[in-house]
C-alpha atoms as a PDB file:
ATOM      1  CA  UNK A   1    -104.367 -52.709   0.203  1.00  0.00           C
ATOM      2  CA  UNK A   2     -99.937 -52.769   1.467  1.00  0.00           C
ATOM      3  CA  UNK A   3     -97.680 -51.553  -1.277  1.00  0.00           C
ATOM      4  CA  UNK A   4     -95.446 -53.365  -2.874  1.00  0.00           C
ATOM      5  CA  UNK A   5     -91.901 -53.481  -1.331  1.00  0.00           C
ATOM      6  CA  UNK A   6     -90.651 -51.805  -4.291  1.00  0.00           C
ATOM      7  CA  UNK A   7     -92.374 -49.085  -4.257  1.00  0.00           C
ATOM      8  CA  UNK A   8     -91.935 -48.329  -0.679  1.00  0.00           C
ATOM      9  CA  UNK A   9     -87.632 -48.941  -1.374  1.00  0.00           C
ATOM     10  CA  UNK A  10     -88.436 -46.269  -4.609  1.00  0.00           C
ATOM     11  CA  UNK A  11     -89.991 -44.156  -2.015  1.00  0.00           C
ATOM     12  CA  UNK A  12     -87.233 -44.400   0.755  1.00  0.00           C
ATOM     13  CA  UNK A  13     -84.838 -43.540  -2.358  1.00  0.00           C
ATOM     14  CA  UNK A  14     -86.633 -40.472  -3.435  1.00  0.00           C
ATOM     15  CA  UNK A  15     -86.835 -39.293   0.179  1.00  0.00           C
ATOM     16  CA  UNK A  16     -82.809 -39.335   0.704  1.00  0.00           C
ATOM     17  CA  UNK A  17     -82.250 -38.096  -2.305  1.00  0.00           C
ATOM     18  CA  UNK A  18     -84.194 -35.075  -1.473  1.00  0.00           C
ATOM     19  CA  UNK A  19     -82.615 -35.141   1.917  1.00  0.00           C
ATOM     20  CA  UNK A  20     -78.872 -35.036   0.471  1.00  0.00           C
ATOM     21  CA  UNK A  21     -79.987 -32.582  -2.127  1.00  0.00           C
ATOM     22  CA  UNK A  22     -81.235 -30.331   0.859  1.00  0.00           C
ATOM     23  CA  UNK A  23     -78.024 -30.998   2.596  1.00  0.00           C
ATOM     24  CA  UNK A  24     -76.057 -29.715  -0.596  1.00  0.00           C
ATOM     25  CA  UNK A  25     -78.219 -26.429  -0.705  1.00  0.00           C
ATOM     26  CA  UNK A  26     -77.559 -25.934   3.100  1.00  0.00           C
ATOM     27  CA  UNK A  27     -73.798 -26.224   2.954  1.00  0.00           C
ATOM     28  CA  UNK A  28     -71.623 -24.068   5.400  1.00  0.00           C
ATOM     29  CA  UNK A  29     -67.818 -23.435   5.330  1.00  0.00           C
ATOM     30  CA  UNK A  30     -66.789 -25.710   7.968  1.00  0.00           C
ATOM     31  CA  UNK A  31     -63.481 -24.245   7.799  1.00  0.00           C
ATOM     32  CA  UNK A  32     -64.568 -21.077   8.401  1.00  0.00           C
ATOM     33  CA  UNK A  33     -65.693 -22.779  11.615  1.00  0.00           C
ATOM     34  CA  UNK A  34     -63.475 -24.897  12.904  1.00  0.00           C
ATOM     35  CA  UNK A  35     -60.115 -22.695  11.961  1.00  0.00           C
ATOM     36  CA  UNK A  36     -61.347 -18.724  12.963  1.00  0.00           C
ATOM     37  CA  UNK A  37     -63.203 -16.990  15.937  1.00  0.00           C
ATOM     38  CA  UNK A  38     -65.295 -14.040  16.101  1.00  0.00           C
ATOM     39  CA  UNK A  39     -62.886 -11.597  18.002  1.00  0.00           C
ATOM     40  CA  UNK A  40     -64.499  -8.778  20.100  1.00  0.00           C
ATOM     41  CA  UNK A  41     -63.024  -5.800  19.154  1.00  0.00           C
ATOM     42  CA  UNK A  42     -65.059  -3.165  21.062  1.00  0.00           C
ATOM     43  CA  UNK A  43     -68.154  -3.406  23.788  1.00  0.00           C
ATOM     44  CA  UNK A  44     -70.553  -4.711  20.691  1.00  0.00           C
ATOM     45  CA  UNK A  45     -68.707  -5.926  17.374  1.00  0.00           C
ATOM     46  CA  UNK A  46     -67.201  -8.871  16.368  1.00  0.00           C
ATOM     47  CA  UNK A  47     -65.195  -9.513  13.444  1.00  0.00           C
ATOM     48  CA  UNK A  48     -64.007 -12.543  12.000  1.00  0.00           C
ATOM     49  CA  UNK A  49     -60.581 -11.619  10.132  1.00  0.00           C
ATOM     50  CA  UNK A  50     -60.156 -13.284   6.922  1.00  0.00           C
ATOM     51  CA  UNK A  51     -56.940 -14.954   5.152  1.00  0.00           C
ATOM     52  CA  UNK A  52     -54.688 -12.634   2.394  1.00  0.00           C
ATOM     53  CA  UNK A  53     -54.973 -13.181  -0.836  1.00  0.00           C
ATOM     54  CA  UNK A  54     -57.771 -13.612  -4.005  1.00  0.00           C
ATOM     55  CA  UNK A  55     -60.579 -16.162  -3.944  1.00  0.00           C
ATOM     56  CA  UNK A  56     -59.451 -19.599  -4.328  1.00  0.00           C
ATOM     57  CA  UNK A  57     -60.485 -23.238  -4.197  1.00  0.00           C
ATOM     58  CA  UNK A  58     -58.502 -23.590  -1.207  1.00  0.00           C
ATOM     59  CA  UNK A  59     -60.354 -20.881   0.721  1.00  0.00           C
ATOM     60  CA  UNK A  60     -63.461 -21.157  -0.631  1.00  0.00           C
ATOM     61  CA  UNK A  61     -64.149 -17.716  -1.360  1.00  0.00           C
ATOM     62  CA  UNK A  62     -63.150 -16.398   2.284  1.00  0.00           C
ATOM     63  CA  UNK A  63     -60.935 -13.638   2.150  1.00  0.00           C
ATOM     64  CA  UNK A  64     -63.050 -10.645   3.661  1.00  0.00           C
ATOM     65  CA  UNK A  65     -63.571  -9.511   7.429  1.00  0.00           C
ATOM     66  CA  UNK A  66     -67.650 -10.246   8.104  1.00  0.00           C
ATOM     67  CA  UNK A  67     -68.305  -8.303  11.365  1.00  0.00           C
ATOM     68  CA  UNK A  68     -71.433  -8.288  13.521  1.00  0.00           C
ATOM     69  CA  UNK A  69     -72.907  -6.189  16.080  1.00  0.00           C
ATOM     70  CA  UNK A  70     -74.846  -7.468  19.005  1.00  0.00           C
ATOM     71  CA  UNK A  71     -77.478  -5.155  20.595  1.00  0.00           C
ATOM     72  CA  UNK A  72     -79.648  -5.693  23.545  1.00  0.00           C
ATOM     73  CA  UNK A  73     -82.318  -7.073  21.232  1.00  0.00           C
ATOM     74  CA  UNK A  74     -81.023  -8.033  17.913  1.00  0.00           C
ATOM     75  CA  UNK A  75     -77.883  -8.333  15.903  1.00  0.00           C
ATOM     76  CA  UNK A  76     -76.667  -6.633  12.464  1.00  0.00           C
ATOM     77  CA  UNK A  77     -74.301  -8.044  10.187  1.00  0.00           C
ATOM     78  CA  UNK A  78     -71.778  -6.649   7.725  1.00  0.00           C
ATOM     79  CA  UNK A  79     -70.351  -7.871   4.758  1.00  0.00           C
ATOM     80  CA  UNK A  80     -70.994 -11.642   5.355  1.00  0.00           C
ATOM     81  CA  UNK A  81     -68.572 -12.722   2.556  1.00  0.00           C
ATOM     82  CA  UNK A  82     -68.655 -14.664  -0.850  1.00  0.00           C
ATOM     83  CA  UNK A  83     -70.976 -17.289  -0.351  1.00  0.00           C
ATOM     84  CA  UNK A  84     -74.334 -18.844   1.143  1.00  0.00           C
ATOM     85  CA  UNK A  85     -72.026 -20.878   3.049  1.00  0.00           C
ATOM     86  CA  UNK A  86     -69.138 -18.194   3.889  1.00  0.00           C
ATOM     87  CA  UNK A  87     -72.702 -16.729   5.460  1.00  0.00           C
ATOM     88  CA  UNK A  88     -74.131 -19.970   7.001  1.00  0.00           C
ATOM     89  CA  UNK A  89     -70.271 -19.968   8.971  1.00  0.00           C
ATOM     90  CA  UNK A  90     -70.526 -16.461   9.591  1.00  0.00           C
ATOM     91  CA  UNK A  91     -74.365 -17.153  11.351  1.00  0.00           C
ATOM     92  CA  UNK A  92     -73.002 -20.382  13.054  1.00  0.00           C
ATOM     93  CA  UNK A  93     -70.230 -17.925  14.842  1.00  0.00           C
ATOM     94  CA  UNK A  94     -72.749 -15.406  15.639  1.00  0.00           C
ATOM     95  CA  UNK A  95     -75.332 -18.746  17.633  1.00  0.00           C
ATOM     96  CA  UNK A  96     -71.571 -18.974  19.277  1.00  0.00           C
ATOM     97  CA  UNK A  97     -72.125 -15.675  20.724  1.00  0.00           C
ATOM     98  CA  UNK A  98     -75.863 -15.058  20.888  1.00  0.00           C
ATOM     99  CA  UNK A  99     -79.267 -16.406  20.150  1.00  0.00           C
ATOM    100  CA  UNK A 100     -80.711 -12.962  19.079  1.00  0.00           C
ATOM    101  CA  UNK A 101     -82.074 -12.526  15.686  1.00  0.00           C
ATOM    102  CA  UNK A 102     -80.243 -11.274  13.060  1.00  0.00           C
ATOM    103  CA  UNK A 103     -82.647  -8.309  11.425  1.00  0.00           C
ATOM    104  CA  UNK A 104     -80.431  -6.558   9.560  1.00  0.00           C
ATOM    105  CA  UNK A 105     -77.374  -6.950   7.147  1.00  0.00           C
ATOM    106  CA  UNK A 106     -74.874  -3.951   5.800  1.00  0.00           C
ATOM    107  CA  UNK A 107     -73.370  -4.204   2.771  1.00  0.00           C
ATOM    108  CA  UNK A 108     -70.401  -1.872   2.323  1.00  0.00           C
ATOM    109  CA  UNK A 109     -69.975  -1.926  -1.595  1.00  0.00           C
ATOM    110  CA  UNK A 110     -70.444  -4.549  -4.763  1.00  0.00           C
ATOM    111  CA  UNK A 111     -67.607  -6.826  -4.991  1.00  0.00           C
ATOM    112  CA  UNK A 112     -68.940 -10.130  -4.288  1.00  0.00           C
ATOM    113  CA  UNK A 113     -66.334 -11.161  -1.653  1.00  0.00           C
ATOM    114  CA  UNK A 114     -68.399  -8.932   0.404  1.00  0.00           C
ATOM    115  CA  UNK A 115     -71.965  -9.683  -0.028  1.00  0.00           C
ATOM    116  CA  UNK A 116     -72.693 -12.712  -1.790  1.00  0.00           C
ATOM    117  CA  UNK A 117     -73.102 -14.049   1.899  1.00  0.00           C
ATOM    118  CA  UNK A 118     -76.551 -12.431   2.398  1.00  0.00           C
ATOM    119  CA  UNK A 119     -78.336 -15.551   0.838  1.00  0.00           C
ATOM    120  CA  UNK A 120     -77.679 -17.588   4.234  1.00  0.00           C
ATOM    121  CA  UNK A 121     -79.426 -14.585   6.727  1.00  0.00           C
ATOM    122  CA  UNK A 122     -82.411 -14.569   4.238  1.00  0.00           C
ATOM    123  CA  UNK A 123     -82.715 -17.908   4.880  1.00  0.00           C
ATOM    124  CA  UNK A 124     -82.140 -18.141   8.597  1.00  0.00           C
ATOM    125  CA  UNK A 125     -84.780 -14.682   8.979  1.00  0.00           C
ATOM    126  CA  UNK A 126     -87.322 -14.079   5.975  1.00  0.00           C
ATOM    127  CA  UNK A 127     -87.586 -10.831   7.576  1.00  0.00           C
ATOM    128  CA  UNK A 128     -83.968  -9.662   7.769  1.00  0.00           C
ATOM    129  CA  UNK A 129     -83.414  -6.039   5.830  1.00  0.00           C
ATOM    130  CA  UNK A 130     -80.320  -5.531   3.774  1.00  0.00           C
ATOM    131  CA  UNK A 131     -78.987  -2.213   3.253  1.00  0.00           C
ATOM    132  CA  UNK A 132     -76.267  -0.613   1.116  1.00  0.00           C
ATOM    133  CA  UNK A 133     -76.011   2.738  -1.464  1.00  0.00           C
ATOM    134  CA  UNK A 134     -78.371   3.210  -4.146  1.00  0.00           C
ATOM    135  CA  UNK A 135     -75.635   3.038  -6.700  1.00  0.00           C
ATOM    136  CA  UNK A 136     -74.865  -0.471  -5.522  1.00  0.00           C
ATOM    137  CA  UNK A 137     -78.028  -1.874  -5.746  1.00  0.00           C
ATOM    138  CA  UNK A 138     -78.571  -0.486  -9.348  1.00  0.00           C
ATOM    139  CA  UNK A 139     -75.686  -2.050 -10.134  1.00  0.00           C
ATOM    140  CA  UNK A 140     -76.244  -5.101  -8.483  1.00  0.00           C
ATOM    141  CA  UNK A 141     -79.710  -5.194 -10.315  1.00  0.00           C
ATOM    142  CA  UNK A 142     -78.191  -4.613 -14.003  1.00  0.00           C
ATOM    143  CA  UNK A 143     -76.143  -7.876 -13.811  1.00  0.00           C
ATOM    144  CA  UNK A 144     -73.336  -7.159 -11.559  1.00  0.00           C
ATOM    145  CA  UNK A 145     -74.588  -9.410  -8.767  1.00  0.00           C
ATOM    146  CA  UNK A 146     -75.098 -12.355 -11.340  1.00  0.00           C
ATOM    147  CA  UNK A 147     -71.510 -10.931 -13.017  1.00  0.00           C
ATOM    148  CA  UNK A 148     -70.109 -11.894  -9.680  1.00  0.00           C
ATOM    149  CA  UNK A 149     -71.608 -14.969  -8.729  1.00  0.00           C
ATOM    150  CA  UNK A 150     -69.867 -16.324 -11.652  1.00  0.00           C
ATOM    151  CA  UNK A 151     -66.726 -14.858 -10.743  1.00  0.00           C
ATOM    152  CA  UNK A 152     -66.574 -16.427  -7.369  1.00  0.00           C
ATOM    153  CA  UNK A 153     -67.745 -19.828  -9.155  1.00  0.00           C
ATOM    154  CA  UNK A 154     -64.869 -19.778 -11.605  1.00  0.00           C
ATOM    155  CA  UNK A 155     -61.865 -18.304  -9.124  1.00  0.00           C
ATOM    156  CA  UNK A 156     -62.882 -20.933  -6.475  1.00  0.00           C
ATOM    157  CA  UNK A 157     -63.326 -23.989  -8.929  1.00  0.00           C
ATOM    158  CA  UNK A 158     -67.246 -24.059  -7.930  1.00  0.00           C
ATOM    159  CA  UNK A 159     -66.585 -23.864  -4.263  1.00  0.00           C
ATOM    160  CA  UNK A 160     -69.119 -21.226  -4.347  1.00  0.00           C
ATOM    161  CA  UNK A 161     -72.068 -23.371  -6.344  1.00  0.00           C
ATOM    162  CA  UNK A 162     -75.114 -22.833  -4.923  1.00  0.00           C
ATOM    163  CA  UNK A 163     -74.772 -19.208  -4.093  1.00  0.00           C
ATOM    164  CA  UNK A 164     -78.017 -17.222  -4.948  1.00  0.00           C
ATOM    165  CA  UNK A 165     -77.845 -13.558  -4.850  1.00  0.00           C
ATOM    166  CA  UNK A 166     -79.859 -11.655  -2.317  1.00  0.00           C
ATOM    167  CA  UNK A 167     -80.034  -7.851  -3.602  1.00  0.00           C
ATOM    168  CA  UNK A 168     -80.227  -5.385  -0.821  1.00  0.00           C
ATOM    169  CA  UNK A 169     -83.592  -3.387  -0.619  1.00  0.00           C
ATOM    170  CA  UNK A 170     -83.158  -0.394   1.896  1.00  0.00           C
ATOM    171  CA  UNK A 171     -81.090   2.104  -0.197  1.00  0.00           C
ATOM    172  CA  UNK A 172     -78.800   4.117   2.123  1.00  0.00           C
ATOM    173  CA  UNK A 173     -78.490   8.489   2.437  1.00  0.00           C
ATOM    174  CA  UNK A 174     -75.665   9.888   3.991  1.00  0.00           C
ATOM    175  CA  UNK A 175     -75.795  10.124   7.876  1.00  0.00           C
ATOM    176  CA  UNK A 176     -78.701   7.759   7.863  1.00  0.00           C
ATOM    177  CA  UNK A 177     -78.651   6.519  11.743  1.00  0.00           C
ATOM    178  CA  UNK A 178     -80.396   2.978  11.838  1.00  0.00           C
ATOM    179  CA  UNK A 179     -80.905   1.452  15.533  1.00  0.00           C
ATOM    180  CA  UNK A 180     -79.500  -2.216  16.110  1.00  0.00           C
ATOM    181  CA  UNK A 181     -81.379  -2.518  19.567  1.00  0.00           C
ATOM    182  CA  UNK A 182     -79.777  -0.233  21.647  1.00  0.00           C
ATOM    183  CA  UNK A 183     -76.817   0.586  19.345  1.00  0.00           C
ATOM    184  CA  UNK A 184     -76.595   3.184  16.792  1.00  0.00           C
ATOM    185  CA  UNK A 185     -75.099   2.312  13.227  1.00  0.00           C
ATOM    186  CA  UNK A 186     -74.468   5.755  11.107  1.00  0.00           C
ATOM    187  CA  UNK A 187     -73.901   5.333   7.037  1.00  0.00           C
ATOM    188  CA  UNK A 188     -71.049   7.381   5.803  1.00  0.00           C
ATOM    189  CA  UNK A 189     -71.400   7.611   1.770  1.00  0.00           C
ATOM    190  CA  UNK A 190     -68.053   7.339   0.253  1.00  0.00           C
ATOM    191  CA  UNK A 191     -68.254  10.549  -2.262  1.00  0.00           C
ATOM    192  CA  UNK A 192     -66.642   9.633  -5.842  1.00  0.00           C
ATOM    193  CA  UNK A 193     -64.360   6.692  -6.005  1.00  0.00           C
ATOM    194  CA  UNK A 194     -62.078   5.245  -2.819  1.00  0.00           C
ATOM    195  CA  UNK A 195     -61.928   1.428  -3.885  1.00  0.00           C
ATOM    196  CA  UNK A 196     -64.473   1.440  -6.126  1.00  0.00           C
ATOM    197  CA  UNK A 197     -68.129   3.439  -6.754  1.00  0.00           C
ATOM    198  CA  UNK A 198     -70.951   4.073  -4.598  1.00  0.00           C
ATOM    199  CA  UNK A 199     -69.084   2.550  -1.135  1.00  0.00           C
ATOM    200  CA  UNK A 200     -70.615   2.770   2.301  1.00  0.00           C
ATOM    201  CA  UNK A 201     -68.782   3.107   5.683  1.00  0.00           C
ATOM    202  CA  UNK A 202     -70.402   2.118   8.681  1.00  0.00           C
ATOM    203  CA  UNK A 203     -69.913   3.978  12.194  1.00  0.00           C
ATOM    204  CA  UNK A 204     -71.037   2.450  15.421  1.00  0.00           C
ATOM    205  CA  UNK A 205     -70.976   5.290  17.103  1.00  0.00           C
ATOM    206  CA  UNK A 206     -71.185   4.224  20.864  1.00  0.00           C
ATOM    207  CA  UNK A 207     -68.442   2.046  20.087  1.00  0.00           C
ATOM    208  CA  UNK A 208     -66.625   4.940  18.318  1.00  0.00           C
ATOM    209  CA  UNK A 209     -65.658   2.281  15.581  1.00  0.00           C
ATOM    210  CA  UNK A 210     -65.782   2.484  11.961  1.00  0.00           C
ATOM    211  CA  UNK A 211     -66.325  -0.694   9.205  1.00  0.00           C
ATOM    212  CA  UNK A 212     -64.524   0.772   6.176  1.00  0.00           C
ATOM    213  CA  UNK A 213     -65.086  -1.470   3.861  1.00  0.00           C
ATOM    214  CA  UNK A 214     -61.989  -1.883   1.130  1.00  0.00           C
ATOM    215  CA  UNK A 215     -61.794   2.010   1.473  1.00  0.00           C
ATOM    216  CA  UNK A 216     -58.669   1.016   3.898  1.00  0.00           C
ATOM    217  CA  UNK A 217     -56.773  -2.170   3.703  1.00  0.00           C
ATOM    218  CA  UNK A 218     -54.211  -2.912   6.375  1.00  0.00           C
ATOM    219  CA  UNK A 219     -50.944  -3.658   5.543  1.00  0.00           C
ATOM    220  CA  UNK A 220     -51.601  -5.313   2.020  1.00  0.00           C
ATOM    221  CA  UNK A 221     -52.326  -3.909  -1.263  1.00  0.00           C
ATOM    222  CA  UNK A 222     -55.894  -4.731  -2.950  1.00  0.00           C
ATOM    223  CA  UNK A 223     -57.157  -4.659  -6.571  1.00  0.00           C
ATOM    224  CA  UNK A 224     -57.813  -0.984  -7.653  1.00  0.00           C
ATOM    225  CA  UNK A 225     -59.074  -1.749 -11.300  1.00  0.00           C
ATOM    226  CA  UNK A 226     -62.511   0.575 -10.397  1.00  0.00           C
ATOM    227  CA  UNK A 227     -60.555   2.777  -7.896  1.00  0.00           C
ATOM    228  CA  UNK A 228     -58.935   6.083  -7.478  1.00  0.00           C
ATOM    229  CA  UNK A 229     -55.885   6.394  -5.770  1.00  0.00           C
ATOM    230  CA  UNK A 230     -56.262  10.608  -4.974  1.00  0.00           C
ATOM    231  CA  UNK A 231     -60.172   9.296  -3.826  1.00  0.00           C
ATOM    232  CA  UNK A 232     -58.773   6.820  -1.963  1.00  0.00           C
ATOM    233  CA  UNK A 233     -56.010   9.102  -0.454  1.00  0.00           C
ATOM    234  CA  UNK A 234     -58.760  11.641   0.016  1.00  0.00           C
ATOM    235  CA  UNK A 235     -61.006   8.949   1.902  1.00  0.00           C
ATOM    236  CA  UNK A 236     -58.730   8.270   4.497  1.00  0.00           C
ATOM    237  CA  UNK A 237     -58.059  11.864   5.198  1.00  0.00           C
ATOM    238  CA  UNK A 238     -61.687  11.787   5.915  1.00  0.00           C
ATOM    239  CA  UNK A 239     -61.740   8.745   8.172  1.00  0.00           C
ATOM    240  CA  UNK A 240     -58.702  10.578  10.300  1.00  0.00           C
ATOM    241  CA  UNK A 241     -61.325  13.347  11.018  1.00  0.00           C
ATOM    242  CA  UNK A 242     -64.152  11.179  12.491  1.00  0.00           C
ATOM    243  CA  UNK A 243     -64.505  11.068  16.083  1.00  0.00           C
ATOM    244  CA  UNK A 244     -63.719   6.841  15.940  1.00  0.00           C
ATOM    245  CA  UNK A 245     -60.859   4.982  17.480  1.00  0.00           C
ATOM    246  CA  UNK A 246     -61.209   1.539  16.582  1.00  0.00           C
ATOM    247  CA  UNK A 247     -61.096   0.566  12.367  1.00  0.00           C
ATOM    248  CA  UNK A 248     -62.131  -2.457  10.982  1.00  0.00           C
ATOM    249  CA  UNK A 249     -60.604  -2.788   7.213  1.00  0.00           C
ATOM    250  CA  UNK A 250     -62.339  -4.496   4.610  1.00  0.00           C
ATOM    251  CA  UNK A 251     -59.181  -6.753   4.580  1.00  0.00           C
ATOM    252  CA  UNK A 252     -56.477  -7.142   7.492  1.00  0.00           C
ATOM    253  CA  UNK A 253     -56.448  -6.958  11.538  1.00  0.00           C
ATOM    254  CA  UNK A 254     -58.613  -4.355  13.364  1.00  0.00           C
ATOM    255  CA  UNK A 255     -56.388  -1.759  14.395  1.00  0.00           C
ATOM    256  CA  UNK A 256     -56.709   2.438  15.292  1.00  0.00           C
ATOM    257  CA  UNK A 257     -56.135   5.557  12.634  1.00  0.00           C
ATOM    258  CA  UNK A 258     -52.588   4.309  12.583  1.00  0.00           C
ATOM    259  CA  UNK A 259     -53.680   2.138   9.658  1.00  0.00           C
ATOM    260  CA  UNK A 260     -55.717   4.747   7.847  1.00  0.00           C
ATOM    261  CA  UNK A 261     -53.105   7.124   8.133  1.00  0.00           C
ATOM    262  CA  UNK A 262     -50.421   4.533   6.499  1.00  0.00           C
ATOM    263  CA  UNK A 263     -52.761   3.381   3.831  1.00  0.00           C
ATOM    264  CA  UNK A 264     -53.456   6.861   2.945  1.00  0.00           C
ATOM    265  CA  UNK A 265     -49.933   7.805   2.400  1.00  0.00           C
ATOM    266  CA  UNK A 266     -49.368   4.618   0.431  1.00  0.00           C
ATOM    267  CA  UNK A 267     -52.091   5.676  -1.944  1.00  0.00           C
ATOM    268  CA  UNK A 268     -51.000   9.702  -1.933  1.00  0.00           C
ATOM    269  CA  UNK A 269     -47.454   9.019  -2.327  1.00  0.00           C
ATOM    270  CA  UNK A 270     -47.548   6.171  -5.160  1.00  0.00           C
ATOM    271  CA  UNK A 271     -50.266   8.427  -7.311  1.00  0.00           C
ATOM    272  CA  UNK A 272     -47.613  11.346  -6.575  1.00  0.00           C
ATOM    273  CA  UNK A 273     -44.489   9.312  -7.809  1.00  0.00           C
ATOM    274  CA  UNK A 274     -46.243   8.264 -10.814  1.00  0.00           C
ATOM    275  CA  UNK A 275     -47.236  11.455 -11.867  1.00  0.00           C
ATOM    276  CA  UNK A 276     -43.891  13.099 -11.338  1.00  0.00           C
ATOM    277  CA  UNK A 277     -41.757  10.103 -13.018  1.00  0.00           C
ATOM    278  CA  UNK A 278     -44.560   9.907 -15.922  1.00  0.00           C
ATOM    279  CA  UNK A 279     -42.868  12.777 -17.536  1.00  0.00           C
ATOM    280  CA  UNK A 280     -39.831  11.485 -17.832  1.00  0.00           C
ATOM    281  CA  UNK A 281     -39.976   7.370 -18.096  1.00  0.00           C
ATOM    282  CA  UNK A 282     -41.849   4.746 -19.353  1.00  0.00           C
ATOM    283  CA  UNK A 283     -44.415   2.776 -17.173  1.00  0.00           C
ATOM    284  CA  UNK A 284     -41.856  -0.423 -17.113  1.00  0.00           C
ATOM    285  CA  UNK A 285     -39.192   1.601 -15.840  1.00  0.00           C
ATOM    286  CA  UNK A 286     -40.819   3.434 -12.987  1.00  0.00           C
ATOM    287  CA  UNK A 287     -41.020   0.234 -10.498  1.00  0.00           C
ATOM    288  CA  UNK A 288     -37.691   0.427  -8.820  1.00  0.00           C
ATOM    289  CA  UNK A 289     -38.079   4.354  -8.604  1.00  0.00           C
ATOM    290  CA  UNK A 290     -41.741   4.242  -6.964  1.00  0.00           C
ATOM    291  CA  UNK A 291     -40.582   1.493  -4.391  1.00  0.00           C
ATOM    292  CA  UNK A 292     -37.629   4.103  -3.018  1.00  0.00           C
ATOM    293  CA  UNK A 293     -40.422   6.250  -2.250  1.00  0.00           C
ATOM    294  CA  UNK A 294     -42.793   3.618  -0.445  1.00  0.00           C
ATOM    295  CA  UNK A 295     -40.222   2.678   2.397  1.00  0.00           C
ATOM    296  CA  UNK A 296     -42.939   2.281   4.701  1.00  0.00           C
ATOM    297  CA  UNK A 297     -45.221  -0.243   2.828  1.00  0.00           C
ATOM    298  CA  UNK A 298     -42.779  -2.439   0.829  1.00  0.00           C
ATOM    299  CA  UNK A 299     -43.305  -5.287   3.347  1.00  0.00           C
ATOM    300  CA  UNK A 300     -47.150  -5.231   2.707  1.00  0.00           C
ATOM    301  CA  UNK A 301     -48.935  -8.575   1.949  1.00  0.00           C
ATOM    302  CA  UNK A 302     -49.158  -8.643  -2.378  1.00  0.00           C
ATOM    303  CA  UNK A 303     -46.565  -5.415  -2.560  1.00  0.00           C
ATOM    304  CA  UNK A 304     -44.831  -7.258  -4.789  1.00  0.00           C
ATOM    305  CA  UNK A 305     -47.093  -9.079  -6.891  1.00  0.00           C
ATOM    306  CA  UNK A 306     -49.917  -5.956  -7.177  1.00  0.00           C
ATOM    307  CA  UNK A 307     -47.433  -2.614  -7.043  1.00  0.00           C
ATOM    308  CA  UNK A 308     -46.631  -3.035 -11.124  1.00  0.00           C
ATOM    309  CA  UNK A 309     -50.844  -3.049 -11.458  1.00  0.00           C
ATOM    310  CA  UNK A 310     -50.969  -0.178  -9.319  1.00  0.00           C
ATOM    311  CA  UNK A 311     -48.485   2.016 -10.715  1.00  0.00           C
ATOM    312  CA  UNK A 312     -50.381   1.158 -14.516  1.00  0.00           C
ATOM    313  CA  UNK A 313     -53.393   2.186 -13.454  1.00  0.00           C
ATOM    314  CA  UNK A 314     -51.904   5.525 -11.580  1.00  0.00           C
ATOM    315  CA  UNK A 315     -51.169   6.282 -14.996  1.00  0.00           C
ATOM    316  CA  UNK A 316     -53.968   6.028 -16.667  1.00  0.00           C
ATOM    317  CA  UNK A 317     -55.791   7.813 -13.731  1.00  0.00           C
ATOM    318  CA  UNK A 318     -53.188  10.698 -14.359  1.00  0.00           C
ATOM    319  CA  UNK A 319     -53.637  10.676 -18.078  1.00  0.00           C
ATOM    320  CA  UNK A 320     -57.300  11.250 -17.437  1.00  0.00           C
ATOM    321  CA  UNK A 321     -57.159  14.050 -14.960  1.00  0.00           C
ATOM    322  CA  UNK A 322     -55.299  16.199 -18.085  1.00  0.00           C
ATOM    323  CA  UNK A 323     -58.562  15.843 -20.087  1.00  0.00           C
END
């Protein structure tokens, strides 16, 4: 028996609604696809350098430097960004370079602007393996993952809505080597705190390249609410001693070890100045004196906006050293 026309139309409407819902769920950050490019920075590595600034409605949460490593048979991603839509844009850039499967994703630390893009790679390949430090994995499981989804939604006015957390399931050990086809990726766990706790840097051995995550930032100040100034300086010294030549920072342009030296100098100079000045003046009085000692970094992005917060945090860290 023939179905009534209204029944057929109703079915078509439901199908259209279903397709529209699917399309919304599979949203892509088209601005990254159209306005950014994956820059080849070494034989096997490409980086999409994100813009400066904090997550916002305008940038839809895109501020970090997602990278990918192309081996002879597979691809690995490092820090795929802060939403599923950003992750899908990263995947679109990968597909401009190669059709090899993305089988691994490496995460440097817990901050959501670096890893909430995992969802896109789980969608694309259910067998993709996600790697991070054991501490980061525990943080994510204990509520930090959900908290970062909420934070990104708030900061971007829901531009990152629809993102679901995909917590890494592969805890890394110090100096662990992982093959990406014919390319070796070596995990360097950060001791103590640098930018935050439970961080990992990833060395692409054959290319002498290091993804530092936010332990290094190039010519820009980033938030240090969970970090350590002397810890950051010490980690910069560790990187300087490594047999690497190309540095991919968490934020800012890819460069050589000069950016590591500059960042370490900023951290150590700031901390030393604060420890000295706190003996004779209050926090609000310090800024001009600290700036006098930071001549090499006073033109960095966000210097004026963030330096005061860094001074306050450095004072607190110095006070904790007293106990």
